Amino acid sequence: LPTTLLIGRDGCLIGAMSGPAKWDGADALALIAGLER
């Protein structure tokens, strides 16, 4: 099962998505928008 992990500058996990990532989909965009804050 594909998993995407987003790691912060400090090396800690800041986000994750299980399954195939559709980066232009609503879930991925919401994840990215939340991390920008």
C-alpha atoms as a PDB file:
ATOM      1  CA  LEU A   1       0.000   0.000   0.000  1.00  0.00           C
ATOM      2  CA  PRO A   2       1.553   3.316  -0.998  1.00  0.00           C
ATOM      3  CA  THR A   3       2.049   5.801   1.817  1.00  0.00           C
ATOM      4  CA  THR A   4       3.196   9.412   1.583  1.00  0.00           C
ATOM      5  CA  LEU A   5       5.018  10.861   4.585  1.00  0.00           C
ATOM      6  CA  LEU A   6       5.723  14.568   4.971  1.00  0.00           C
ATOM      7  CA  ILE A   7       8.694  15.284   7.212  1.00  0.00           C
ATOM      8  CA  GLY A   8       9.310  18.704   8.772  1.00  0.00           C
ATOM      9  CA  ARG A   9      12.629  20.506   8.945  1.00  0.00           C
ATOM     10  CA  ASP A  10      13.205  19.108  12.424  1.00  0.00           C
ATOM     11  CA  GLY A  11      12.880  15.538  11.123  1.00  0.00           C
ATOM     12  CA  CYS A  12       9.465  14.913  12.697  1.00  0.00           C
ATOM     13  CA  LEU A  13       6.436  13.596  10.849  1.00  0.00           C
ATOM     14  CA  ILE A  14       4.034  16.438  10.049  1.00  0.00           C
ATOM     15  CA  GLY A  15       1.618  14.713   7.684  1.00  0.00           C
ATOM     16  CA  ALA A  16       0.771  11.382   6.104  1.00  0.00           C
ATOM     17  CA  MET A  17      -1.530   9.957   3.453  1.00  0.00           C
ATOM     18  CA  SER A  18      -2.282   6.264   3.006  1.00  0.00           C
ATOM     19  CA  GLY A  19      -2.998   4.855  -0.426  1.00  0.00           C
ATOM     20  CA  PRO A  20      -2.295   6.341  -3.822  1.00  0.00           C
ATOM     21  CA  ALA A  21      -1.925  10.117  -3.595  1.00  0.00           C
ATOM     22  CA  LYS A  22      -3.969  12.206  -5.994  1.00  0.00           C
ATOM     23  CA  TRP A  23      -2.113  15.463  -5.411  1.00  0.00           C
ATOM     24  CA  ASP A  24      -4.733  17.593  -7.156  1.00  0.00           C
ATOM     25  CA  GLY A  25      -7.560  16.036  -5.110  1.00  0.00           C
ATOM     26  CA  ALA A  26      -9.400  17.645  -2.213  1.00  0.00           C
ATOM     27  CA  ASP A  27      -7.719  15.510   0.490  1.00  0.00           C
ATOM     28  CA  ALA A  28      -4.182  16.290  -0.648  1.00  0.00           C
ATOM     29  CA  LEU A  29      -4.919  19.991  -1.101  1.00  0.00           C
ATOM     30  CA  ALA A  30      -6.441  20.173   2.394  1.00  0.00           C
ATOM     31  CA  LEU A  31      -3.383  18.445   3.860  1.00  0.00           C
ATOM     32  CA  ILE A  32      -1.010  20.878   2.153  1.00  0.00           C
ATOM     33  CA  ALA A  33      -3.128  23.909   3.104  1.00  0.00           C
ATOM     34  CA  GLY A  34      -3.100  22.797   6.735  1.00  0.00           C
ATOM     35  CA  LEU A  35       0.679  22.437   6.714  1.00  0.00           C
ATOM     36  CA  GLU A  36       1.194  25.926   5.299  1.00  0.00           C
ATOM     37  CA  ARG A  37      -0.184  27.472   8.505  1.00  0.00           C
END
